[in-house]
Amino acid sequence: MTSAVRGLAIGWAVTHNPQYAKKAGEWIRAWFVDPKTRMTPNLEFSQIELGHNNNRGKASGGGIIDGRELPTVADALRMLGGSGALTASEDAAAKAWFAEYLYWLETSPQGKADHAKLGNHGNWFLVEEITLARFVGDDAKARALCEEEKQRIDNNIEPDGSQPGEMKRVDGLMYSVFNLRAHAKIAQLARPLGFDFWRYQAPRGGSLAKAVDFLKPYNQAPEKWPYTQKAKMNPGFLNDLLEEMKKQKL
């Protein structure tokens, strides 16, 4: 759903073909507006474990990461402005959905638990929260959240660029990239707010650039990864981050 809405919104923004906007509106209406079909604005049942936590999702908040793409719909709503994808009342209802979801992220036990995590779960949580804080117009909150990234880089990335917290997993290479992508997304979101995390070096010496450099030797030969990696990874898995480094002139 999130991929479809994002693609359709970009299609509208580039071509102004009303069919793209119409189809995007159908997705958004079904998921976020129509009382008969819309998702409740929380992830109370994500990664549900029957028989635990009153048959709700993980009390630790682990399931929140499954909603990490939801903010792309908020971005799509901005792109679709003036397209006729939604009526004014439907657009307001969709925006209200994301405001409610942000409130749940900030106040629920699951949200608080995930926010406190310093690994990939906490980092992707921060991506969601920063995006939605900006979406509802609370840049002060977004800046405060961006400040947290300094500690997260210091906690996650060693001076040599390794990410021990992710490398110890069964799929250490995959999770190292997954975690680094969360940091890169935070860097993208933070740039308009005055932060330059691609050039930031944490007190212990870790940085995003060093993390990319650490993984770079395995980009075309993931099978040479000297640590555990059970799932197959295709060459070129790091290309997007290498391209971002070029854009940053690093």
Protein backbone atom coordinates (compact mmCIF):
# COMPACT_ATOMS: atom_id res chain seq x y z
CA MET A 1 0.00 0.00 0.00
CA THR A 2 2.68 2.52 0.98
CA SER A 3 4.71 1.77 -2.15
CA ALA A 4 1.64 2.12 -4.34
CA VAL A 5 0.57 5.44 -2.81
CA ARG A 6 4.08 6.86 -3.01
CA GLY A 7 4.51 5.79 -6.63
CA LEU A 8 1.13 7.17 -7.65
CA ALA A 9 1.77 10.47 -5.87
CA ILE A 10 5.11 10.85 -7.65
CA GLY A 11 3.38 9.97 -10.91
CA TRP A 12 0.89 12.76 -10.31
CA ALA A 13 3.56 15.25 -9.31
CA VAL A 14 5.61 14.55 -12.45
CA THR A 15 2.87 14.16 -15.08
CA HIS A 16 -0.31 15.66 -13.55
CA ASN A 17 -2.16 12.67 -15.00
CA PRO A 18 -5.44 12.63 -13.02
CA GLN A 19 -5.57 8.82 -13.14
CA TYR A 20 -2.57 8.62 -10.81
CA ALA A 21 -4.18 10.96 -8.31
CA LYS A 22 -7.51 9.13 -8.53
CA LYS A 23 -5.97 5.73 -7.77
CA ALA A 24 -3.85 7.17 -4.94
CA GLY A 25 -7.03 8.64 -3.47
CA GLU A 26 -8.70 5.22 -3.54
CA TRP A 27 -5.86 3.69 -1.53
CA ILE A 28 -5.78 6.53 0.99
CA ARG A 29 -9.54 6.61 1.36
CA ALA A 30 -9.71 2.87 2.07
CA TRP A 31 -6.83 2.76 4.53
CA PHE A 32 -7.15 6.06 6.39
CA VAL A 33 -10.58 7.64 5.85
CA ASP A 34 -13.52 5.27 5.29
CA PRO A 35 -14.86 4.19 8.73
CA LYS A 36 -15.76 0.77 7.32
CA THR A 37 -12.27 -0.12 6.13
CA ARG A 38 -9.73 2.26 7.63
CA MET A 39 -6.93 1.08 9.87
CA THR A 40 -7.16 2.15 13.49
CA PRO A 41 -4.28 4.65 14.02
CA ASN A 42 -2.08 2.42 16.14
CA LEU A 43 -0.02 -0.75 15.98
CA GLU A 44 -1.48 -2.37 19.08
CA PHE A 45 -1.56 -5.78 17.40
CA SER A 46 1.60 -5.66 15.32
CA GLN A 47 3.70 -8.83 15.72
CA ILE A 48 0.97 -10.25 17.93
CA GLU A 49 1.91 -13.14 20.19
CA LEU A 50 -1.28 -14.99 21.13
CA GLY A 51 -1.45 -15.72 24.82
CA HIS A 52 0.88 -12.87 25.72
CA ASN A 53 0.23 -9.23 26.64
CA ASN A 54 -3.56 -9.73 26.57
CA ASN A 55 -3.32 -10.97 22.98
CA ARG A 56 -1.86 -7.71 21.77
CA GLY A 57 1.40 -6.94 20.04
CA LYS A 58 4.74 -7.16 21.77
CA ALA A 59 4.81 -5.18 25.01
CA SER A 60 8.43 -4.38 24.14
CA GLY A 61 7.19 -2.36 21.17
CA GLY A 62 9.00 -4.58 18.68
CA GLY A 63 6.12 -4.56 16.21
CA ILE A 64 6.24 -0.81 15.63
CA ILE A 65 9.03 -1.25 13.12
CA ASP A 66 6.46 -2.82 10.78
CA GLY A 67 4.92 0.64 10.38
CA ARG A 68 8.15 2.33 9.31
CA GLU A 69 6.82 3.00 5.79
CA LEU A 70 3.57 4.64 6.95
CA PRO A 71 5.11 8.15 6.93
CA THR A 72 5.62 7.83 3.15
CA VAL A 73 1.83 8.19 2.88
CA ALA A 74 2.03 11.45 4.82
CA ASP A 75 4.60 12.65 2.26
CA ALA A 76 2.27 11.51 -0.53
CA LEU A 77 -0.60 13.57 0.91
CA ARG A 78 1.56 16.67 0.51
CA MET A 79 2.40 15.80 -3.09
CA LEU A 80 -1.27 15.18 -3.90
CA GLY A 81 -2.39 18.61 -2.73
CA GLY A 82 -4.61 20.21 -5.37
CA SER A 83 -4.83 16.99 -7.38
CA GLY A 84 -8.44 16.15 -6.54
CA ALA A 85 -7.38 12.77 -5.14
CA LEU A 86 -9.40 13.50 -2.02
CA THR A 87 -12.13 15.94 -1.08
CA ALA A 88 -11.21 18.61 1.45
CA SER A 89 -12.93 16.67 4.24
CA GLU A 90 -11.22 13.41 3.23
CA ASP A 91 -7.84 15.12 3.15
CA ALA A 92 -8.47 16.52 6.62
CA ALA A 93 -9.51 13.07 7.87
CA ALA A 94 -6.36 11.46 6.47
CA LYS A 95 -4.18 14.12 8.07
CA ALA A 96 -6.04 13.66 11.36
CA TRP A 97 -5.27 9.93 11.14
CA PHE A 98 -1.54 10.63 11.13
CA ALA A 99 -1.86 13.10 13.99
CA GLU A 100 -3.62 10.39 16.04
CA TYR A 101 -0.99 7.84 15.06
CA LEU A 102 1.80 10.19 16.15
CA TYR A 103 0.07 10.67 19.50
CA TRP A 104 -0.14 6.89 19.92
CA LEU A 105 3.57 6.51 19.09
CA GLU A 106 4.46 9.07 21.74
CA THR A 107 2.15 7.92 24.53
CA SER A 108 1.61 4.17 24.25
CA PRO A 109 3.69 1.68 26.26
CA GLN A 110 4.80 0.08 23.00
CA GLY A 111 5.86 3.42 21.53
CA LYS A 112 7.78 4.43 24.63
CA ALA A 113 9.54 1.06 24.72
CA ASP A 114 10.58 1.26 21.06
CA HIS A 115 11.71 4.88 21.39
CA ALA A 116 14.06 3.85 24.19
CA LYS A 117 15.83 1.26 22.04
CA LEU A 118 19.18 2.35 20.62
CA GLY A 119 19.43 -0.22 17.81
CA ASN A 120 17.59 -0.45 14.49
CA HIS A 121 14.14 -0.57 16.14
CA GLY A 122 14.70 2.72 17.94
CA ASN A 123 16.26 4.32 14.89
CA TRP A 124 13.36 3.44 12.60
CA PHE A 125 11.00 4.63 15.32
CA LEU A 126 12.80 7.98 15.18
CA VAL A 127 12.32 8.09 11.40
CA GLU A 128 8.57 7.73 11.88
CA GLU A 129 8.36 10.26 14.67
CA ILE A 130 10.48 12.96 13.00
CA THR A 131 8.56 12.63 9.73
CA LEU A 132 5.19 12.91 11.43
CA ALA A 133 6.25 15.71 13.77
CA ARG A 134 7.15 17.75 10.70
CA PHE A 135 3.94 16.66 8.98
CA VAL A 136 1.80 18.09 11.80
CA GLY A 137 3.91 21.26 11.86
CA ASP A 138 5.84 20.68 15.08
CA ASP A 139 9.38 21.46 13.95
CA ALA A 140 10.50 22.10 17.52
CA LYS A 141 9.65 18.52 18.41
CA ALA A 142 11.34 17.29 15.23
CA ARG A 143 14.54 19.16 16.13
CA ALA A 144 14.54 17.69 19.63
CA LEU A 145 14.18 14.23 18.13
CA CYS A 146 17.03 14.91 15.70
CA GLU A 147 19.27 15.74 18.65
CA GLU A 148 18.82 12.15 19.80
CA GLU A 149 20.57 10.95 16.66
CA LYS A 150 23.92 12.09 18.04
CA GLN A 151 23.72 9.56 20.87
CA ARG A 152 22.41 6.89 18.53
CA ILE A 153 25.36 7.23 16.15
CA ASP A 154 27.74 7.09 19.09
CA ASN A 155 26.00 3.99 20.44
CA ASN A 156 25.63 2.13 17.13
CA ILE A 157 28.82 2.85 15.18
CA GLU A 158 32.35 2.12 16.30
CA PRO A 159 35.36 4.27 15.28
CA ASP A 160 36.17 1.72 12.55
CA GLY A 161 32.61 1.93 11.16
CA SER A 162 31.43 -1.44 12.43
CA GLN A 163 28.02 -1.87 14.06
CA PRO A 164 28.48 -4.57 16.73
CA GLY A 165 24.86 -4.47 17.85
CA GLU A 166 23.70 -5.51 14.38
CA MET A 167 26.68 -7.68 13.38
CA LYS A 168 26.01 -10.13 16.21
CA ARG A 169 22.74 -11.16 14.55
CA VAL A 170 22.34 -14.24 12.37
CA ASP A 171 22.10 -11.91 9.36
CA GLY A 172 24.74 -9.44 10.48
CA LEU A 173 25.40 -7.88 7.09
CA MET A 174 21.74 -7.39 6.28
CA TYR A 175 21.00 -5.82 9.65
CA SER A 176 24.06 -3.57 9.47
CA VAL A 177 22.73 -2.17 6.19
CA PHE A 178 19.17 -2.00 7.53
CA ASN A 179 20.29 -0.02 10.57
CA LEU A 180 22.50 2.26 8.50
CA ARG A 181 19.58 3.04 6.19
CA ALA A 182 17.62 4.24 9.23
CA HIS A 183 20.50 6.57 10.13
CA ALA A 184 20.67 7.81 6.53
CA LYS A 185 16.94 8.53 6.53
CA ILE A 186 17.26 10.47 9.79
CA ALA A 187 20.10 12.45 8.19
CA GLN A 188 17.84 13.27 5.25
CA LEU A 189 14.98 14.37 7.50
CA ALA A 190 17.29 16.40 9.75
CA ARG A 191 19.04 18.36 7.01
CA PRO A 192 16.26 20.96 6.52
CA LEU A 193 16.28 21.47 10.30
CA GLY A 194 19.95 22.46 10.36
CA PHE A 195 21.67 19.12 11.08
CA ASP A 196 24.41 17.57 8.93
CA PHE A 197 24.68 14.01 10.16
CA TRP A 198 26.65 12.79 7.16
CA ARG A 199 29.54 14.92 8.42
CA TYR A 200 28.89 14.38 12.11
CA GLN A 201 31.46 12.41 14.07
CA ALA A 202 30.35 11.04 17.43
CA PRO A 203 32.50 11.48 20.55
CA ARG A 204 33.87 7.93 20.28
CA GLY A 205 34.72 8.45 16.60
CA GLY A 206 31.87 6.70 14.80
CA SER A 207 30.12 8.26 11.81
CA LEU A 208 27.73 7.38 8.99
CA ALA A 209 30.51 7.74 6.42
CA LYS A 210 32.72 5.30 8.33
CA ALA A 211 29.83 2.83 8.55
CA VAL A 212 29.42 2.95 4.77
CA ASP A 213 33.17 2.50 4.28
CA PHE A 214 33.15 -0.52 6.58
CA LEU A 215 30.49 -2.24 4.46
CA LYS A 216 31.76 -1.10 1.06
CA PRO A 217 34.21 -4.01 0.48
CA TYR A 218 31.28 -6.45 0.52
CA ASN A 219 28.96 -4.49 -1.75
CA GLN A 220 29.89 -6.48 -4.86
CA ALA A 221 30.83 -9.64 -2.98
CA PRO A 222 28.49 -10.15 -0.01
CA GLU A 223 29.65 -13.75 0.26
CA LYS A 224 33.01 -12.44 1.54
CA TRP A 225 31.40 -11.00 4.68
CA PRO A 226 33.51 -12.57 7.47
CA TYR A 227 30.70 -12.66 10.01
CA THR A 228 27.34 -14.45 10.09
CA GLN A 229 24.94 -13.86 7.18
CA LYS A 230 22.43 -16.64 6.61
CA ALA A 231 20.05 -15.01 4.12
CA LYS A 232 21.33 -14.44 0.59
CA MET A 233 22.15 -10.86 -0.33
CA ASN A 234 22.56 -9.64 -3.88
CA PRO A 235 25.54 -7.54 -4.98
CA GLY A 236 24.91 -3.82 -5.05
CA PHE A 237 22.96 -3.72 -1.78
CA LEU A 238 24.87 -0.61 -0.75
CA ASN A 239 24.61 1.33 -4.02
CA ASP A 240 21.99 3.81 -2.78
CA LEU A 241 24.09 4.80 0.23
CA LEU A 242 27.26 5.06 -1.86
CA GLU A 243 25.37 7.37 -4.21
CA GLU A 244 24.22 9.46 -1.27
CA MET A 245 27.82 9.83 -0.13
CA LYS A 246 28.74 11.09 -3.60
CA LYS A 247 25.95 13.66 -3.38
CA GLN A 248 27.30 14.74 -0.02
CA LYS A 249 30.81 14.94 -1.56
CA LEU A 250 32.22 12.59 1.06
